[in-house]
Full PDB file with SEQRES, HELIX, SHEET, SSBOND, CRYST1, ORIGX, SCALE, CONECT and MASTER records, all heavy atoms in Angstrom:
SEQRES   1 A   34  VAL SER TRP THR ALA GLY TYR SER GLU THR THR TRP GLU          
SEQRES   2 A   34  TYR VAL ILE GLN ASP SER GLY THR GLY VAL PRO THR THR          
SEQRES   3 A   34  SER GLY THR LEU THR THR THR ASN                              
SHEET    1 AA1 2 TRP A  12  TYR A  14  0                                        
SHEET    2 AA1 2 THR A  29  THR A  31 -1                                        
CRYST1    1.000    1.000    1.000  90.00  90.00  90.00 P 1           1          
ORIGX1      1.000000  0.000000  0.000000        0.00000                         
ORIGX2      0.000000  1.000000  0.000000        0.00000                         
ORIGX3      0.000000  0.000000  1.000000        0.00000                         
SCALE1      1.000000  0.000000  0.000000        0.00000                         
SCALE2      0.000000  1.000000  0.000000        0.00000                         
SCALE3      0.000000  0.000000  1.000000        0.00000                         
ATOM      1  N   VAL A   1      -1.429  12.572   6.068  1.00  0.00           N  
ATOM      2  CA  VAL A   1      -0.351  13.133   6.779  1.00  0.00           C  
ATOM      3  C   VAL A   1       0.436  13.966   5.797  1.00  0.00           C  
ATOM      4  O   VAL A   1       0.723  13.540   4.684  1.00  0.00           O  
ATOM      5  CB  VAL A   1       0.543  12.031   7.406  1.00  0.00           C  
ATOM      6  CG1 VAL A   1       1.672  12.764   8.224  1.00  0.00           C  
ATOM      7  CG2 VAL A   1      -0.204  11.035   8.254  1.00  0.00           C  
ATOM      8  N   SER A   2       0.784  15.213   6.211  1.00  0.00           N  
ATOM      9  CA  SER A   2       1.640  16.074   5.376  1.00  0.00           C  
ATOM     10  C   SER A   2       2.699  16.768   6.255  1.00  0.00           C  
ATOM     11  O   SER A   2       2.512  16.903   7.442  1.00  0.00           O  
ATOM     12  CB  SER A   2       0.759  17.115   4.694  1.00  0.00           C  
ATOM     13  OG  SER A   2       0.122  18.006   5.613  1.00  0.00           O  
ATOM     14  N   TRP A   3       3.726  17.229   5.596  1.00  0.00           N  
ATOM     15  CA  TRP A   3       4.797  17.944   6.348  1.00  0.00           C  
ATOM     16  C   TRP A   3       5.585  18.720   5.349  1.00  0.00           C  
ATOM     17  O   TRP A   3       5.444  18.644   4.155  1.00  0.00           O  
ATOM     18  CB  TRP A   3       5.734  16.886   7.054  1.00  0.00           C  
ATOM     19  CG  TRP A   3       6.320  15.906   6.147  1.00  0.00           C  
ATOM     20  CD1 TRP A   3       7.542  15.984   5.499  1.00  0.00           C  
ATOM     21  CD2 TRP A   3       5.783  14.663   5.658  1.00  0.00           C  
ATOM     22  NE1 TRP A   3       7.800  14.877   4.710  1.00  0.00           N  
ATOM     23  CE2 TRP A   3       6.704  14.054   4.844  1.00  0.00           C  
ATOM     24  CE3 TRP A   3       4.593  13.987   5.983  1.00  0.00           C  
ATOM     25  CZ2 TRP A   3       6.522  12.810   4.218  1.00  0.00           C  
ATOM     26  CZ3 TRP A   3       4.373  12.762   5.343  1.00  0.00           C  
ATOM     27  CH2 TRP A   3       5.328  12.147   4.477  1.00  0.00           C  
ATOM     28  N   THR A   4       6.510  19.537   5.929  1.00  0.00           N  
ATOM     29  CA  THR A   4       7.495  20.289   5.109  1.00  0.00           C  
ATOM     30  C   THR A   4       8.849  19.700   5.307  1.00  0.00           C  
ATOM     31  O   THR A   4       9.293  19.408   6.447  1.00  0.00           O  
ATOM     32  CB  THR A   4       7.473  21.829   5.503  1.00  0.00           C  
ATOM     33  OG1 THR A   4       6.183  22.289   5.369  1.00  0.00           O  
ATOM     34  CG2 THR A   4       8.448  22.549   4.724  1.00  0.00           C  
ATOM     35  N   ALA A   5       9.573  19.496   4.216  1.00  0.00           N  
ATOM     36  CA  ALA A   5      10.933  18.907   4.266  1.00  0.00           C  
ATOM     37  C   ALA A   5      11.886  19.701   5.134  1.00  0.00           C  
ATOM     38  O   ALA A   5      11.744  20.971   5.134  1.00  0.00           O  
ATOM     39  CB  ALA A   5      11.510  18.734   2.907  1.00  0.00           C  
ATOM     40  N   GLY A   6      12.680  19.077   5.971  1.00  0.00           N  
ATOM     41  CA  GLY A   6      13.623  19.825   6.794  1.00  0.00           C  
ATOM     42  C   GLY A   6      14.664  20.599   5.937  1.00  0.00           C  
ATOM     43  O   GLY A   6      15.094  21.621   6.331  1.00  0.00           O  
ATOM     44  N   TYR A   7      15.032  20.003   4.825  1.00  0.00           N  
ATOM     45  CA  TYR A   7      15.961  20.699   3.897  1.00  0.00           C  
ATOM     46  C   TYR A   7      15.605  20.301   2.453  1.00  0.00           C  
ATOM     47  O   TYR A   7      14.618  20.772   1.975  1.00  0.00           O  
ATOM     48  CB  TYR A   7      17.456  20.371   4.333  1.00  0.00           C  
ATOM     49  CG  TYR A   7      18.399  21.168   3.477  1.00  0.00           C  
ATOM     50  CD1 TYR A   7      18.402  22.550   3.485  1.00  0.00           C  
ATOM     51  CD2 TYR A   7      19.407  20.489   2.773  1.00  0.00           C  
ATOM     52  CE1 TYR A   7      19.312  23.249   2.679  1.00  0.00           C  
ATOM     53  CE2 TYR A   7      20.363  21.226   2.054  1.00  0.00           C  
ATOM     54  CZ  TYR A   7      20.315  22.612   2.003  1.00  0.00           C  
ATOM     55  OH  TYR A   7      21.222  23.293   1.272  1.00  0.00           O  
ATOM     56  N   SER A   8      16.375  19.414   1.943  1.00  0.00           N  
ATOM     57  CA  SER A   8      16.123  18.969   0.550  1.00  0.00           C  
ATOM     58  C   SER A   8      15.871  17.480   0.398  1.00  0.00           C  
ATOM     59  O   SER A   8      15.915  16.941  -0.695  1.00  0.00           O  
ATOM     60  CB  SER A   8      17.316  19.403  -0.323  1.00  0.00           C  
ATOM     61  OG  SER A   8      18.551  18.777   0.052  1.00  0.00           O  
ATOM     62  N   GLU A   9      15.699  16.842   1.509  1.00  0.00           N  
ATOM     63  CA  GLU A   9      15.512  15.404   1.445  1.00  0.00           C  
ATOM     64  C   GLU A   9      14.176  15.031   0.738  1.00  0.00           C  
ATOM     65  O   GLU A   9      13.231  15.786   0.731  1.00  0.00           O  
ATOM     66  CB  GLU A   9      15.546  14.790   2.865  1.00  0.00           C  
ATOM     67  CG  GLU A   9      14.255  14.921   3.677  1.00  0.00           C  
ATOM     68  CD  GLU A   9      14.063  16.213   4.330  1.00  0.00           C  
ATOM     69  OE1 GLU A   9      14.881  17.127   4.154  1.00  0.00           O  
ATOM     70  OE2 GLU A   9      12.990  16.366   5.035  1.00  0.00           O  
ATOM     71  N   THR A  10      14.152  13.807   0.175  1.00  0.00           N  
ATOM     72  CA  THR A  10      12.990  13.320  -0.510  1.00  0.00           C  
ATOM     73  C   THR A  10      12.534  12.020  -0.017  1.00  0.00           C  
ATOM     74  O   THR A  10      11.642  11.339  -0.573  1.00  0.00           O  
ATOM     75  CB  THR A  10      13.283  13.231  -2.004  1.00  0.00           C  
ATOM     76  OG1 THR A  10      14.385  12.345  -2.304  1.00  0.00           O  
ATOM     77  CG2 THR A  10      13.492  14.587  -2.617  1.00  0.00           C  
ATOM     78  N   THR A  11      13.149  11.533   1.010  1.00  0.00           N  
ATOM     79  CA  THR A  11      12.734  10.248   1.626  1.00  0.00           C  
ATOM     80  C   THR A  11      12.617  10.473   3.139  1.00  0.00           C  
ATOM     81  O   THR A  11      13.378  11.160   3.795  1.00  0.00           O  
ATOM     82  CB  THR A  11      13.902   9.186   1.367  1.00  0.00           C  
ATOM     83  OG1 THR A  11      14.042   9.055  -0.076  1.00  0.00           O  
ATOM     84  CG2 THR A  11      13.476   7.790   1.926  1.00  0.00           C  
ATOM     85  N   TRP A  12      11.671   9.735   3.680  1.00  0.00           N  
ATOM     86  CA  TRP A  12      11.363   9.831   5.196  1.00  0.00           C  
ATOM     87  C   TRP A  12      11.062   8.451   5.623  1.00  0.00           C  
ATOM     88  O   TRP A  12      10.700   7.574   4.949  1.00  0.00           O  
ATOM     89  CB  TRP A  12      10.196  10.751   5.425  1.00  0.00           C  
ATOM     90  CG  TRP A  12      10.394  12.230   4.919  1.00  0.00           C  
ATOM     91  CD1 TRP A  12      10.947  13.271   5.613  1.00  0.00           C  
ATOM     92  CD2 TRP A  12      10.158  12.616   3.560  1.00  0.00           C  
ATOM     93  NE1 TRP A  12      10.992  14.359   4.780  1.00  0.00           N  
ATOM     94  CE2 TRP A  12      10.497  14.041   3.542  1.00  0.00           C  
ATOM     95  CE3 TRP A  12       9.572  12.138   2.413  1.00  0.00           C  
ATOM     96  CZ2 TRP A  12      10.394  14.832   2.410  1.00  0.00           C  
ATOM     97  CZ3 TRP A  12       9.429  12.881   1.279  1.00  0.00           C  
ATOM     98  CH2 TRP A  12       9.786  14.211   1.330  1.00  0.00           C  
ATOM     99  N   GLU A  13      11.105   8.392   7.025  1.00  0.00           N  
ATOM    100  CA  GLU A  13      10.604   7.193   7.781  1.00  0.00           C  
ATOM    101  C   GLU A  13       9.502   7.611   8.630  1.00  0.00           C  
ATOM    102  O   GLU A  13       9.527   8.685   9.241  1.00  0.00           O  
ATOM    103  CB  GLU A  13      11.728   6.557   8.633  1.00  0.00           C  
ATOM    104  CG  GLU A  13      12.719   5.760   7.889  1.00  0.00           C  
ATOM    105  CD  GLU A  13      13.771   5.115   8.863  1.00  0.00           C  
ATOM    106  OE1 GLU A  13      13.391   5.140  10.131  1.00  0.00           O  
ATOM    107  OE2 GLU A  13      14.734   4.570   8.481  1.00  0.00           O  
ATOM    108  N   TYR A  14       8.461   6.747   8.755  1.00  0.00           N  
ATOM    109  CA  TYR A  14       7.363   7.034   9.677  1.00  0.00           C  
ATOM    110  C   TYR A  14       6.952   5.802  10.449  1.00  0.00           C  
ATOM    111  O   TYR A  14       7.144   4.671   9.952  1.00  0.00           O  
ATOM    112  CB  TYR A  14       6.148   7.581   8.868  1.00  0.00           C  
ATOM    113  CG  TYR A  14       5.441   6.652   7.986  1.00  0.00           C  
ATOM    114  CD1 TYR A  14       4.361   5.867   8.485  1.00  0.00           C  
ATOM    115  CD2 TYR A  14       5.844   6.414   6.719  1.00  0.00           C  
ATOM    116  CE1 TYR A  14       3.668   5.011   7.650  1.00  0.00           C  
ATOM    117  CE2 TYR A  14       5.116   5.566   5.826  1.00  0.00           C  
ATOM    118  CZ  TYR A  14       4.055   4.807   6.354  1.00  0.00           C  
ATOM    119  OH  TYR A  14       3.427   3.897   5.538  1.00  0.00           O  
ATOM    120  N   VAL A  15       6.321   6.068  11.591  1.00  0.00           N  
ATOM    121  CA  VAL A  15       5.819   4.987  12.487  1.00  0.00           C  
ATOM    122  C   VAL A  15       4.460   5.419  12.914  1.00  0.00           C  
ATOM    123  O   VAL A  15       4.316   6.576  13.434  1.00  0.00           O  
ATOM    124  CB  VAL A  15       6.734   4.715  13.652  1.00  0.00           C  
ATOM    125  CG1 VAL A  15       6.099   3.774  14.635  1.00  0.00           C  
ATOM    126  CG2 VAL A  15       8.137   4.225  13.242  1.00  0.00           C  
ATOM    127  N   ILE A  16       3.448   4.609  12.741  1.00  0.00           N  
ATOM    128  CA  ILE A  16       2.058   4.831  13.296  1.00  0.00           C  
ATOM    129  C   ILE A  16       1.888   3.907  14.461  1.00  0.00           C  
ATOM    130  O   ILE A  16       2.079   2.676  14.303  1.00  0.00           O  
ATOM    131  CB  ILE A  16       1.033   4.568  12.187  1.00  0.00           C  
ATOM    132  CG1 ILE A  16       1.243   5.445  10.966  1.00  0.00           C  
ATOM    133  CG2 ILE A  16      -0.364   4.804  12.761  1.00  0.00           C  
ATOM    134  CD1 ILE A  16       1.020   6.894  11.268  1.00  0.00           C  
ATOM    135  N   GLN A  17       1.481   4.421  15.589  1.00  0.00           N  
ATOM    136  CA  GLN A  17       1.250   3.631  16.786  1.00  0.00           C  
ATOM    137  C   GLN A  17       0.263   4.205  17.698  1.00  0.00           C  
ATOM    138  O   GLN A  17      -0.233   5.366  17.430  1.00  0.00           O  
ATOM    139  CB  GLN A  17       2.608   3.438  17.525  1.00  0.00           C  
ATOM    140  CG  GLN A  17       3.266   4.789  17.857  1.00  0.00           C  
ATOM    141  CD  GLN A  17       4.679   4.647  18.331  1.00  0.00           C  
ATOM    142  OE1 GLN A  17       5.347   3.600  18.071  1.00  0.00           O  
ATOM    143  NE2 GLN A  17       5.256   5.645  18.948  1.00  0.00           N  
ATOM    144  N   ASP A  18      -0.194   3.515  18.666  1.00  0.00           N  
ATOM    145  CA  ASP A  18      -1.168   4.039  19.661  1.00  0.00           C  
ATOM    146  C   ASP A  18      -0.633   5.231  20.306  1.00  0.00           C  
ATOM    147  O   ASP A  18       0.565   5.320  20.647  1.00  0.00           O  
ATOM    148  CB  ASP A  18      -1.525   2.973  20.699  1.00  0.00           C  
ATOM    149  CG  ASP A  18      -2.325   1.800  20.137  1.00  0.00           C  
ATOM    150  OD1 ASP A  18      -2.959   1.980  19.062  1.00  0.00           O  
ATOM    151  OD2 ASP A  18      -2.337   0.732  20.687  1.00  0.00           O  
ATOM    152  N   SER A  19      -1.509   6.182  20.537  1.00  0.00           N  
ATOM    153  CA  SER A  19      -1.049   7.482  21.172  1.00  0.00           C  
ATOM    154  C   SER A  19      -0.499   7.156  22.554  1.00  0.00           C  
ATOM    155  O   SER A  19      -1.035   6.350  23.332  1.00  0.00           O  
ATOM    156  CB  SER A  19      -2.275   8.450  21.276  1.00  0.00           C  
ATOM    157  OG  SER A  19      -1.889   9.642  21.837  1.00  0.00           O  
ATOM    158  N   GLY A  20       0.681   7.888  22.852  1.00  0.00           N  
ATOM    159  CA  GLY A  20       1.294   7.646  24.160  1.00  0.00           C  
ATOM    160  C   GLY A  20       2.334   6.565  24.185  1.00  0.00           C  
ATOM    161  O   GLY A  20       2.957   6.370  25.186  1.00  0.00           O  
ATOM    162  N   THR A  21       2.589   5.916  23.099  1.00  0.00           N  
ATOM    163  CA  THR A  21       3.541   4.872  23.004  1.00  0.00           C  
ATOM    164  C   THR A  21       4.965   5.431  23.221  1.00  0.00           C  
ATOM    165  O   THR A  21       5.834   4.890  23.834  1.00  0.00           O  
ATOM    166  CB  THR A  21       3.470   4.062  21.725  1.00  0.00           C  
ATOM    167  OG1 THR A  21       2.160   3.490  21.619  1.00  0.00           O  
ATOM    168  CG2 THR A  21       4.501   2.958  21.717  1.00  0.00           C  
ATOM    169  N   GLY A  22       5.199   6.597  22.536  1.00  0.00           N  
ATOM    170  CA  GLY A  22       6.526   7.280  22.714  1.00  0.00           C  
ATOM    171  C   GLY A  22       7.420   7.092  21.565  1.00  0.00           C  
ATOM    172  O   GLY A  22       7.099   6.472  20.525  1.00  0.00           O  
ATOM    173  N   VAL A  23       8.630   7.668  21.650  1.00  0.00           N  
ATOM    174  CA  VAL A  23       9.578   7.646  20.614  1.00  0.00           C  
ATOM    175  C   VAL A  23       9.941   6.246  20.174  1.00  0.00           C  
ATOM    176  O   VAL A  23      10.251   5.359  20.968  1.00  0.00           O  
ATOM    177  CB  VAL A  23      10.920   8.394  21.037  1.00  0.00           C  
ATOM    178  CG1 VAL A  23      11.959   8.418  19.907  1.00  0.00           C  
ATOM    179  CG2 VAL A  23      10.564   9.829  21.463  1.00  0.00           C  
ATOM    180  N   PRO A  24       9.892   5.935  18.839  1.00  0.00           N  
ATOM    181  CA  PRO A  24      10.175   4.588  18.294  1.00  0.00           C  
ATOM    182  C   PRO A  24      11.576   4.209  18.629  1.00  0.00           C  
ATOM    183  O   PRO A  24      12.512   5.019  18.667  1.00  0.00           O  
ATOM    184  CB  PRO A  24       9.932   4.704  16.829  1.00  0.00           C  
ATOM    185  CG  PRO A  24       9.105   5.908  16.639  1.00  0.00           C  
ATOM    186  CD  PRO A  24       9.373   6.874  17.725  1.00  0.00           C  
ATOM    187  N   THR A  25      11.802   2.922  18.863  1.00  0.00           N  
ATOM    188  CA  THR A  25      13.124   2.435  19.164  1.00  0.00           C  
ATOM    189  C   THR A  25      13.620   1.594  17.989  1.00  0.00           C  
ATOM    190  O   THR A  25      14.743   1.055  18.033  1.00  0.00           O  
ATOM    191  CB  THR A  25      13.075   1.537  20.381  1.00  0.00           C  
ATOM    192  OG1 THR A  25      12.154   0.531  20.226  1.00  0.00           O  
ATOM    193  CG2 THR A  25      12.735   2.373  21.611  1.00  0.00           C  
ATOM    194  N   THR A  26      12.810   1.456  16.907  1.00  0.00           N  
ATOM    195  CA  THR A  26      13.269   0.732  15.706  1.00  0.00           C  
ATOM    196  C   THR A  26      13.025   1.612  14.515  1.00  0.00           C  
ATOM    197  O   THR A  26      12.437   2.716  14.558  1.00  0.00           O  
ATOM    198  CB  THR A  26      12.466  -0.548  15.537  1.00  0.00           C  
ATOM    199  OG1 THR A  26      11.051  -0.238  15.484  1.00  0.00           O  
ATOM    200  CG2 THR A  26      12.715  -1.485  16.753  1.00  0.00           C  
ATOM    201  N   SER A  27      13.487   1.179  13.342  1.00  0.00           N  
ATOM    202  CA  SER A  27      13.297   1.945  12.043  1.00  0.00           C  
ATOM    203  C   SER A  27      11.818   1.960  11.737  1.00  0.00           C  
ATOM    204  O   SER A  27      11.061   1.056  12.108  1.00  0.00           O  
ATOM    205  CB  SER A  27      14.084   1.345  11.024  1.00  0.00           C  
ATOM    206  OG  SER A  27      15.450   1.363  11.259  1.00  0.00           O  
ATOM    207  N   GLY A  28      11.437   3.001  10.940  1.00  0.00           N  
ATOM    208  CA  GLY A  28      10.117   3.119  10.493  1.00  0.00           C  
ATOM    209  C   GLY A  28       9.896   2.605   9.077  1.00  0.00           C  
ATOM    210  O   GLY A  28      10.868   1.941   8.520  1.00  0.00           O  
ATOM    211  N   THR A  29       8.817   2.901   8.507  1.00  0.00           N  
ATOM    212  CA  THR A  29       8.480   2.588   7.129  1.00  0.00           C  
ATOM    213  C   THR A  29       9.007   3.691   6.192  1.00  0.00           C  
ATOM    214  O   THR A  29       8.701   4.846   6.459  1.00  0.00           O  
ATOM    215  CB  THR A  29       7.001   2.386   6.915  1.00  0.00           C  
ATOM    216  OG1 THR A  29       6.548   1.335   7.749  1.00  0.00           O  
ATOM    217  CG2 THR A  29       6.670   2.025   5.469  1.00  0.00           C  
ATOM    218  N   LEU A  30       9.722   3.339   5.160  1.00  0.00           N  
ATOM    219  CA  LEU A  30      10.248   4.367   4.186  1.00  0.00           C  
ATOM    220  C   LEU A  30       9.117   4.903   3.325  1.00  0.00           C  
ATOM    221  O   LEU A  30       8.251   4.137   2.891  1.00  0.00           O  
ATOM    222  CB  LEU A  30      11.393   3.787   3.347  1.00  0.00           C  
ATOM    223  CG  LEU A  30      12.700   3.516   4.060  1.00  0.00           C  
ATOM    224  CD1 LEU A  30      13.677   2.863   3.139  1.00  0.00           C  
ATOM    225  CD2 LEU A  30      13.303   4.904   4.479  1.00  0.00           C  
ATOM    226  N   THR A  31       9.128   6.159   2.955  1.00  0.00           N  
ATOM    227  CA  THR A  31       8.217   6.743   2.086  1.00  0.00           C  
ATOM    228  C   THR A  31       8.848   7.865   1.292  1.00  0.00           C  
ATOM    229  O   THR A  31       9.764   8.545   1.837  1.00  0.00           O  
ATOM    230  CB  THR A  31       6.938   7.208   2.699  1.00  0.00           C  
ATOM    231  OG1 THR A  31       6.033   7.650   1.682  1.00  0.00           O  
ATOM    232  CG2 THR A  31       7.207   8.369   3.668  1.00  0.00           C  
ATOM    233  N   THR A  32       8.471   8.041   0.078  1.00  0.00           N  
ATOM    234  CA  THR A  32       8.897   9.271  -0.722  1.00  0.00           C  
ATOM    235  C   THR A  32       7.631  10.046  -1.048  1.00  0.00           C  
ATOM    236  O   THR A  32       7.765  11.032  -1.854  1.00  0.00           O  
ATOM    237  CB  THR A  32       9.588   8.854  -2.029  1.00  0.00           C  
ATOM    238  OG1 THR A  32       8.684   7.985  -2.786  1.00  0.00           O  
ATOM    239  CG2 THR A  32      10.858   8.068  -1.661  1.00  0.00           C  
ATOM    240  N   THR A  33       6.547   9.807  -0.430  1.00  0.00           N  
ATOM    241  CA  THR A  33       5.223  10.399  -0.714  1.00  0.00           C  
ATOM    242  C   THR A  33       4.854  11.407   0.316  1.00  0.00           C  
ATOM    243  O   THR A  33       4.783  11.124   1.548  1.00  0.00           O  
ATOM    244  CB  THR A  33       4.126   9.405  -0.904  1.00  0.00           C  
ATOM    245  OG1 THR A  33       4.494   8.379  -1.880  1.00  0.00           O  
ATOM    246  CG2 THR A  33       2.779  10.059  -1.256  1.00  0.00           C  
ATOM    247  N   ASN A  34       4.642  12.617  -0.050  1.00  0.00           N  
ATOM    248  CA  ASN A  34       4.143  13.698   0.765  1.00  0.00           C  
ATOM    249  C   ASN A  34       3.148  14.563   0.049  1.00  0.00           C  
ATOM    250  O   ASN A  34       3.550  15.223  -0.959  1.00  0.00           O  
ATOM    251  CB  ASN A  34       5.317  14.513   1.312  1.00  0.00           C  
ATOM    252  CG  ASN A  34       4.914  15.673   2.243  1.00  0.00           C  
ATOM    253  OD1 ASN A  34       3.809  15.631   2.800  1.00  0.00           O  
ATOM    254  ND2 ASN A  34       5.763  16.603   2.409  1.00  0.00           N  
TER     255      ASN A  34                                                      
MASTER        0    0    0    0    2    0    0    6  254    1    0    3          
END                                                                             
């Protein structure tokens, strides 16, 4: 997975789930890797 930072942030949260599950309702996993 890759992306472009929205501004200057270096930390992100992500959630992997079955397709069609929809917008997460809880926090994701923190990462600083891109």
